[in-house]
Amino acid sequence: MYNSNMATFGRYLIPARTHRVEEEIKKSRFITTAAHTPTVDDARAFIDTMRQEFADASHNCWAYVIGAPGSTDRIGMSDDGEPHGTAGQPMMRTLSFAEVGDICVVVTRYFGGTLLGKGGLVKAYSGGVQLALAELPTAERIPSAELDIVVDYPVLTPIQRILSEYEAYILNEEFAAEITLRIKMPIEQVNGFRQTITDMTNGDALIEVISSDEM
């Protein structure tokens, strides 16, 4: 379950994989496909893919939220030919209250010959998104950083022992006159880890942040 404290550290739930649900409403076929889209370009590419897959559909309506759940700085929506406000907007409203970020949802409709009316369309499109979200497999997005640390040999084992405390792991080791470790960990753990290593080595360790998701 999503916890609002997760977003404090840049952590939030994202789709773990592309997920699809389908339902029939008054002979119209509604296919809802949700995917992880960490950028606007990814969302647009996913929408294009759905349009190509369902090129013969009556409508391919869509909405996306890029960023943490509930964020509004990078959003988009489209009714794709349905009456204004009956598809994209209700889809977006549903996403805005979801516990998942970096997500794009496309609802494909094959018209079955029976008009649903504006209220029926709003219910159908928002309901498709709700159905997809209810069964959506999720993963946790954890912004990370990579650090290079240069230390003396006696410090290697103590460092290895504390890595799990900081959700960290070693990517690479270089052994020369000193040991250079490249370590990856959540951004939120960097300051505490840096202080611990500084204390452990009496300030002799060289610590440099090489890359991070916030750079």
C-alpha atoms as a PDB file:
ATOM      1  CA  MET A   1       0.000   0.000   0.000  1.00  0.00           C
ATOM      2  CA  TYR A   2       1.198   3.481  -0.841  1.00  0.00           C
ATOM      3  CA  ASN A   3       2.303   5.565   2.129  1.00  0.00           C
ATOM      4  CA  SER A   4       2.441   9.346   1.792  1.00  0.00           C
ATOM      5  CA  ASN A   5       5.778   9.291   3.634  1.00  0.00           C
ATOM      6  CA  MET A   6       7.258   7.411   0.679  1.00  0.00           C
ATOM      7  CA  ALA A   7       6.894  10.485  -1.533  1.00  0.00           C
ATOM      8  CA  THR A   8       8.818  12.557   1.018  1.00  0.00           C
ATOM      9  CA  PHE A   9      11.917  10.676  -0.083  1.00  0.00           C
ATOM     10  CA  GLY A  10      10.913  10.483  -3.734  1.00  0.00           C
ATOM     11  CA  ARG A  11       9.616   6.946  -3.327  1.00  0.00           C
ATOM     12  CA  TYR A  12       6.276   5.939  -4.781  1.00  0.00           C
ATOM     13  CA  LEU A  13       4.519   3.049  -6.477  1.00  0.00           C
ATOM     14  CA  ILE A  14       4.752   2.558 -10.239  1.00  0.00           C
ATOM     15  CA  PRO A  15       3.320  -0.087 -12.592  1.00  0.00           C
ATOM     16  CA  ALA A  16       5.518  -3.176 -12.422  1.00  0.00           C
ATOM     17  CA  ARG A  17       4.532  -4.180 -15.954  1.00  0.00           C
ATOM     18  CA  THR A  18       1.968  -3.438 -18.638  1.00  0.00           C
ATOM     19  CA  HIS A  19      -1.466  -4.548 -17.500  1.00  0.00           C
ATOM     20  CA  ARG A  20      -4.731  -4.965 -19.432  1.00  0.00           C
ATOM     21  CA  VAL A  21      -8.361  -5.502 -18.493  1.00  0.00           C
ATOM     22  CA  GLU A  22     -11.481  -5.738 -20.644  1.00  0.00           C
ATOM     23  CA  GLU A  23     -15.211  -5.380 -20.174  1.00  0.00           C
ATOM     24  CA  GLU A  24     -18.352  -5.097 -22.306  1.00  0.00           C
ATOM     25  CA  ILE A  25     -20.901  -2.375 -21.640  1.00  0.00           C
ATOM     26  CA  LYS A  26     -24.106  -2.343 -23.712  1.00  0.00           C
ATOM     27  CA  LYS A  27     -22.362  -4.199 -26.531  1.00  0.00           C
ATOM     28  CA  SER A  28     -19.402  -1.768 -26.619  1.00  0.00           C
ATOM     29  CA  ARG A  29     -16.070  -3.382 -25.886  1.00  0.00           C
ATOM     30  CA  PHE A  30     -13.756  -1.415 -23.590  1.00  0.00           C
ATOM     31  CA  ILE A  31     -10.093  -2.469 -23.329  1.00  0.00           C
ATOM     32  CA  THR A  32      -7.993  -0.654 -20.727  1.00  0.00           C
ATOM     33  CA  THR A  33      -4.205  -0.898 -20.901  1.00  0.00           C
ATOM     34  CA  ALA A  34      -1.932   0.635 -18.262  1.00  0.00           C
ATOM     35  CA  ALA A  35       1.849   0.949 -18.451  1.00  0.00           C
ATOM     36  CA  HIS A  36       4.840   2.412 -16.637  1.00  0.00           C
ATOM     37  CA  THR A  37       5.836   5.645 -18.382  1.00  0.00           C
ATOM     38  CA  PRO A  38       8.522   7.590 -16.464  1.00  0.00           C
ATOM     39  CA  THR A  39       8.657  10.416 -19.029  1.00  0.00           C
ATOM     40  CA  VAL A  40       6.198  12.275 -21.235  1.00  0.00           C
ATOM     41  CA  ASP A  41       7.977  10.846 -24.299  1.00  0.00           C
ATOM     42  CA  ASP A  42       7.428   7.338 -22.908  1.00  0.00           C
ATOM     43  CA  ALA A  43       3.740   8.086 -22.422  1.00  0.00           C
ATOM     44  CA  ARG A  44       3.369   9.389 -25.957  1.00  0.00           C
ATOM     45  CA  ALA A  45       5.203   6.365 -27.357  1.00  0.00           C
ATOM     46  CA  PHE A  46       2.916   4.026 -25.408  1.00  0.00           C
ATOM     47  CA  ILE A  47      -0.171   5.840 -26.691  1.00  0.00           C
ATOM     48  CA  ASP A  48       1.125   5.506 -30.251  1.00  0.00           C
ATOM     49  CA  THR A  49       1.717   1.789 -29.694  1.00  0.00           C
ATOM     50  CA  MET A  50      -1.868   1.326 -28.496  1.00  0.00           C
ATOM     51  CA  ARG A  51      -3.184   3.273 -31.486  1.00  0.00           C
ATOM     52  CA  GLN A  52      -1.271   0.974 -33.802  1.00  0.00           C
ATOM     53  CA  GLU A  53      -2.408  -2.175 -31.995  1.00  0.00           C
ATOM     54  CA  PHE A  54      -6.047  -1.055 -32.035  1.00  0.00           C
ATOM     55  CA  ALA A  55      -6.035   0.905 -35.274  1.00  0.00           C
ATOM     56  CA  ASP A  56      -9.543  -0.332 -36.126  1.00  0.00           C
ATOM     57  CA  ALA A  57     -11.071   0.769 -32.807  1.00  0.00           C
ATOM     58  CA  SER A  58     -13.687   3.502 -32.564  1.00  0.00           C
ATOM     59  CA  HIS A  59     -11.645   5.423 -29.979  1.00  0.00           C
ATOM     60  CA  ASN A  60      -8.325   5.189 -28.136  1.00  0.00           C
ATOM     61  CA  CYS A  61      -8.749   7.614 -25.222  1.00  0.00           C
ATOM     62  CA  TRP A  62      -5.891   8.222 -22.842  1.00  0.00           C
ATOM     63  CA  ALA A  63      -4.548   9.930 -19.738  1.00  0.00           C
ATOM     64  CA  TYR A  64      -1.162   9.987 -18.053  1.00  0.00           C
ATOM     65  CA  VAL A  65       0.492  11.224 -14.877  1.00  0.00           C
ATOM     66  CA  ILE A  66       4.269  11.567 -14.873  1.00  0.00           C
ATOM     67  CA  GLY A  67       5.758  11.885 -11.406  1.00  0.00           C
ATOM     68  CA  ALA A  68       4.508  10.969  -7.954  1.00  0.00           C
ATOM     69  CA  PRO A  69       0.855  10.019  -7.376  1.00  0.00           C
ATOM     70  CA  GLY A  70      -1.356  13.096  -7.494  1.00  0.00           C
ATOM     71  CA  SER A  71       1.239  15.354  -9.151  1.00  0.00           C
ATOM     72  CA  THR A  72      -0.103  17.711 -11.824  1.00  0.00           C
ATOM     73  CA  ASP A  73       2.968  19.277 -13.440  1.00  0.00           C
ATOM     74  CA  ARG A  74       3.229  16.646 -16.211  1.00  0.00           C
ATOM     75  CA  ILE A  75      -0.189  15.299 -17.127  1.00  0.00           C
ATOM     76  CA  GLY A  76      -2.100  14.759 -20.351  1.00  0.00           C
ATOM     77  CA  MET A  77      -5.465  13.450 -21.529  1.00  0.00           C
ATOM     78  CA  SER A  78      -7.565  13.003 -24.667  1.00  0.00           C
ATOM     79  CA  ASP A  79     -11.179  12.146 -25.518  1.00  0.00           C
ATOM     80  CA  ASP A  80     -10.060  10.942 -28.970  1.00  0.00           C
ATOM     81  CA  GLY A  81     -13.351  11.809 -30.634  1.00  0.00           C
ATOM     82  CA  GLU A  82     -15.710  11.004 -27.784  1.00  0.00           C
ATOM     83  CA  PRO A  83     -17.915  13.922 -26.603  1.00  0.00           C
ATOM     84  CA  HIS A  84     -15.835  16.542 -24.792  1.00  0.00           C
ATOM     85  CA  GLY A  85     -15.170  15.691 -21.160  1.00  0.00           C
ATOM     86  CA  THR A  86     -16.564  12.165 -21.279  1.00  0.00           C
ATOM     87  CA  ALA A  87     -13.341  10.147 -21.532  1.00  0.00           C
ATOM     88  CA  GLY A  88      -9.970  11.807 -20.946  1.00  0.00           C
ATOM     89  CA  GLN A  89     -11.103  13.972 -18.049  1.00  0.00           C
ATOM     90  CA  PRO A  90     -12.798  11.205 -16.021  1.00  0.00           C
ATOM     91  CA  MET A  91      -9.805   8.967 -16.710  1.00  0.00           C
ATOM     92  CA  MET A  92      -7.469  11.681 -15.434  1.00  0.00           C
ATOM     93  CA  ARG A  93      -9.646  12.280 -12.376  1.00  0.00           C
ATOM     94  CA  THR A  94      -9.394   8.603 -11.513  1.00  0.00           C
ATOM     95  CA  LEU A  95      -5.619   8.598 -11.977  1.00  0.00           C
ATOM     96  CA  SER A  96      -5.246  11.718  -9.829  1.00  0.00           C
ATOM     97  CA  PHE A  97      -6.643   9.854  -6.839  1.00  0.00           C
ATOM     98  CA  ALA A  98      -4.667   6.677  -7.513  1.00  0.00           C
ATOM     99  CA  GLU A  99      -1.721   5.503  -5.446  1.00  0.00           C
ATOM    100  CA  VAL A 100       0.464   4.997  -8.521  1.00  0.00           C
ATOM    101  CA  GLY A 101       2.723   7.433 -10.391  1.00  0.00           C
ATOM    102  CA  ASP A 102       4.552   7.405 -13.740  1.00  0.00           C
ATOM    103  CA  ILE A 103       1.546   5.805 -15.359  1.00  0.00           C
ATOM    104  CA  CYS A 104      -0.269   6.051 -18.682  1.00  0.00           C
ATOM    105  CA  VAL A 105      -3.647   4.461 -19.331  1.00  0.00           C
ATOM    106  CA  VAL A 106      -5.314   3.975 -22.714  1.00  0.00           C
ATOM    107  CA  VAL A 107      -8.961   2.938 -22.895  1.00  0.00           C
ATOM    108  CA  THR A 108      -9.834   1.479 -26.295  1.00  0.00           C
ATOM    109  CA  ARG A 109     -13.470   1.352 -27.317  1.00  0.00           C
ATOM    110  CA  TYR A 110     -15.088  -0.723 -30.015  1.00  0.00           C
ATOM    111  CA  PHE A 111     -18.557   0.785 -30.481  1.00  0.00           C
ATOM    112  CA  GLY A 112     -21.294  -1.788 -30.188  1.00  0.00           C
ATOM    113  CA  GLY A 113     -24.159   0.163 -31.726  1.00  0.00           C
ATOM    114  CA  THR A 114     -25.816   1.381 -28.517  1.00  0.00           C
ATOM    115  CA  LEU A 115     -25.292   4.977 -27.390  1.00  0.00           C
ATOM    116  CA  LEU A 116     -24.269   5.253 -23.736  1.00  0.00           C
ATOM    117  CA  GLY A 117     -24.935   8.955 -23.239  1.00  0.00           C
ATOM    118  CA  LYS A 118     -22.506  11.325 -21.557  1.00  0.00           C
ATOM    119  CA  GLY A 119     -23.076   9.904 -18.099  1.00  0.00           C
ATOM    120  CA  GLY A 120     -22.635   6.373 -19.357  1.00  0.00           C
ATOM    121  CA  LEU A 121     -19.400   7.260 -21.125  1.00  0.00           C
ATOM    122  CA  VAL A 122     -17.957   8.951 -18.045  1.00  0.00           C
ATOM    123  CA  LYS A 123     -18.806   5.893 -15.977  1.00  0.00           C
ATOM    124  CA  ALA A 124     -17.388   3.505 -18.582  1.00  0.00           C
ATOM    125  CA  TYR A 125     -14.060   5.290 -19.050  1.00  0.00           C
ATOM    126  CA  SER A 126     -13.443   6.028 -15.386  1.00  0.00           C
ATOM    127  CA  GLY A 127     -14.594   2.520 -14.503  1.00  0.00           C
ATOM    128  CA  GLY A 128     -12.111   0.992 -16.932  1.00  0.00           C
ATOM    129  CA  VAL A 129      -9.265   2.836 -15.242  1.00  0.00           C
ATOM    130  CA  GLN A 130     -10.539   1.840 -11.799  1.00  0.00           C
ATOM    131  CA  LEU A 131     -10.691  -1.788 -12.874  1.00  0.00           C
ATOM    132  CA  ALA A 132      -7.143  -1.682 -14.235  1.00  0.00           C
ATOM    133  CA  LEU A 133      -5.797  -0.005 -11.095  1.00  0.00           C
ATOM    134  CA  ALA A 134      -7.516  -2.528  -8.837  1.00  0.00           C
ATOM    135  CA  GLU A 135      -5.520  -5.388 -10.361  1.00  0.00           C
ATOM    136  CA  LEU A 136      -2.374  -3.484 -11.377  1.00  0.00           C
ATOM    137  CA  PRO A 137       0.917  -5.118 -10.297  1.00  0.00           C
ATOM    138  CA  THR A 138       3.143  -2.440  -8.774  1.00  0.00           C
ATOM    139  CA  ALA A 139       6.750  -1.890  -7.773  1.00  0.00           C
ATOM    140  CA  GLU A 140       8.406   0.806  -5.693  1.00  0.00           C
ATOM    141  CA  ARG A 141      10.363   3.575  -7.401  1.00  0.00           C
ATOM    142  CA  ILE A 142      13.448   4.319  -5.302  1.00  0.00           C
ATOM    143  CA  PRO A 143      15.642   7.237  -6.448  1.00  0.00           C
ATOM    144  CA  SER A 144      19.236   6.079  -6.114  1.00  0.00           C
ATOM    145  CA  ALA A 145      22.780   7.424  -6.108  1.00  0.00           C
ATOM    146  CA  GLU A 146      26.173   5.941  -6.932  1.00  0.00           C
ATOM    147  CA  LEU A 147      29.178   6.815  -4.782  1.00  0.00           C
ATOM    148  CA  ASP A 148      32.887   6.221  -5.183  1.00  0.00           C
ATOM    149  CA  ILE A 149      34.643   5.627  -1.870  1.00  0.00           C
ATOM    150  CA  VAL A 150      38.415   5.339  -1.449  1.00  0.00           C
ATOM    151  CA  VAL A 151      39.452   3.699   1.820  1.00  0.00           C
ATOM    152  CA  ASP A 152      42.292   1.731   3.388  1.00  0.00           C
ATOM    153  CA  TYR A 153      42.153  -2.069   3.360  1.00  0.00           C
ATOM    154  CA  PRO A 154      41.245  -2.561   7.056  1.00  0.00           C
ATOM    155  CA  VAL A 155      38.011  -0.642   6.509  1.00  0.00           C
ATOM    156  CA  LEU A 156      36.628  -2.941   3.808  1.00  0.00           C
ATOM    157  CA  THR A 157      35.062  -5.556   6.080  1.00  0.00           C
ATOM    158  CA  PRO A 158      33.394  -3.013   8.419  1.00  0.00           C
ATOM    159  CA  ILE A 159      31.898  -1.268   5.381  1.00  0.00           C
ATOM    160  CA  GLN A 160      30.588  -4.541   3.982  1.00  0.00           C
ATOM    161  CA  ARG A 161      28.888  -5.236   7.310  1.00  0.00           C
ATOM    162  CA  ILE A 162      26.907  -1.991   7.352  1.00  0.00           C
ATOM    163  CA  LEU A 163      25.765  -1.919   3.723  1.00  0.00           C
ATOM    164  CA  SER A 164      22.416  -3.553   4.424  1.00  0.00           C
ATOM    165  CA  GLU A 165      21.608  -0.884   7.025  1.00  0.00           C
ATOM    166  CA  TYR A 166      21.659   1.685   4.216  1.00  0.00           C
ATOM    167  CA  GLU A 167      20.001  -0.501   1.526  1.00  0.00           C
ATOM    168  CA  ALA A 168      23.323  -0.300  -0.311  1.00  0.00           C
ATOM    169  CA  TYR A 169      25.363  -2.712  -2.400  1.00  0.00           C
ATOM    170  CA  ILE A 170      28.742  -2.704  -4.088  1.00  0.00           C
ATOM    171  CA  LEU A 171      28.787  -2.317  -7.869  1.00  0.00           C
ATOM    172  CA  ASN A 172      32.549  -2.509  -8.345  1.00  0.00           C
ATOM    173  CA  GLU A 173      35.788  -2.935  -6.387  1.00  0.00           C
ATOM    174  CA  GLU A 174      39.285  -1.823  -7.387  1.00  0.00           C
ATOM    175  CA  PHE A 175      42.277  -2.935  -5.357  1.00  0.00           C
ATOM    176  CA  ALA A 176      45.466  -0.885  -5.510  1.00  0.00           C
ATOM    177  CA  ALA A 177      47.357   0.993  -2.805  1.00  0.00           C
ATOM    178  CA  GLU A 178      43.872   1.685  -1.463  1.00  0.00           C
ATOM    179  CA  ILE A 179      40.458   0.215  -2.207  1.00  0.00           C
ATOM    180  CA  THR A 180      37.990   2.081  -4.413  1.00  0.00           C
ATOM    181  CA  LEU A 181      34.388   0.983  -4.003  1.00  0.00           C
ATOM    182  CA  ARG A 182      31.500   2.033  -6.203  1.00  0.00           C
ATOM    183  CA  ILE A 183      28.359   1.739  -4.121  1.00  0.00           C
ATOM    184  CA  LYS A 184      24.696   2.216  -5.019  1.00  0.00           C
ATOM    185  CA  MET A 185      22.033   3.188  -2.493  1.00  0.00           C
ATOM    186  CA  PRO A 186      18.800   5.184  -2.109  1.00  0.00           C
ATOM    187  CA  ILE A 187      19.416   8.932  -2.244  1.00  0.00           C
ATOM    188  CA  GLU A 188      17.831   9.375   1.163  1.00  0.00           C
ATOM    189  CA  GLN A 189      20.547   7.172   2.703  1.00  0.00           C
ATOM    190  CA  VAL A 190      23.557   9.045   1.277  1.00  0.00           C
ATOM    191  CA  ASN A 191      24.059  11.633   4.023  1.00  0.00           C
ATOM    192  CA  GLY A 192      23.808   9.119   6.845  1.00  0.00           C
ATOM    193  CA  PHE A 193      26.121   6.681   5.079  1.00  0.00           C
ATOM    194  CA  ARG A 194      28.653   9.413   4.338  1.00  0.00           C
ATOM    195  CA  GLN A 195      28.707  10.449   8.001  1.00  0.00           C
ATOM    196  CA  THR A 196      29.123   6.858   9.159  1.00  0.00           C
ATOM    197  CA  ILE A 197      32.085   6.263   6.829  1.00  0.00           C
ATOM    198  CA  THR A 198      33.640   9.575   7.858  1.00  0.00           C
ATOM    199  CA  ASP A 199      33.370   8.599  11.527  1.00  0.00           C
ATOM    200  CA  MET A 200      34.613   5.077  10.844  1.00  0.00           C
ATOM    201  CA  THR A 201      37.759   6.336   9.074  1.00  0.00           C
ATOM    202  CA  ASN A 202      38.341   9.470  11.173  1.00  0.00           C
ATOM    203  CA  GLY A 203      37.750  11.540   8.059  1.00  0.00           C
ATOM    204  CA  ASP A 204      40.354   9.761   5.926  1.00  0.00           C
ATOM    205  CA  ALA A 205      37.911   8.270   3.397  1.00  0.00           C
ATOM    206  CA  LEU A 206      37.371   9.979   0.058  1.00  0.00           C
ATOM    207  CA  ILE A 207      33.675   9.986  -0.801  1.00  0.00           C
ATOM    208  CA  GLU A 208      32.252  11.319  -4.056  1.00  0.00           C
ATOM    209  CA  VAL A 209      28.720  11.120  -5.432  1.00  0.00           C
ATOM    210  CA  ILE A 210      29.158  10.048  -9.063  1.00  0.00           C
ATOM    211  CA  SER A 211      25.548  10.099 -10.152  1.00  0.00           C
ATOM    212  CA  SER A 212      22.042  10.314  -8.745  1.00  0.00           C
ATOM    213  CA  ASP A 213      18.467  10.386  -9.994  1.00  0.00           C
ATOM    214  CA  GLU A 214      18.241  14.018  -8.867  1.00  0.00           C
ATOM    215  CA  MET A 215      21.234  15.238 -10.922  1.00  0.00           C
END
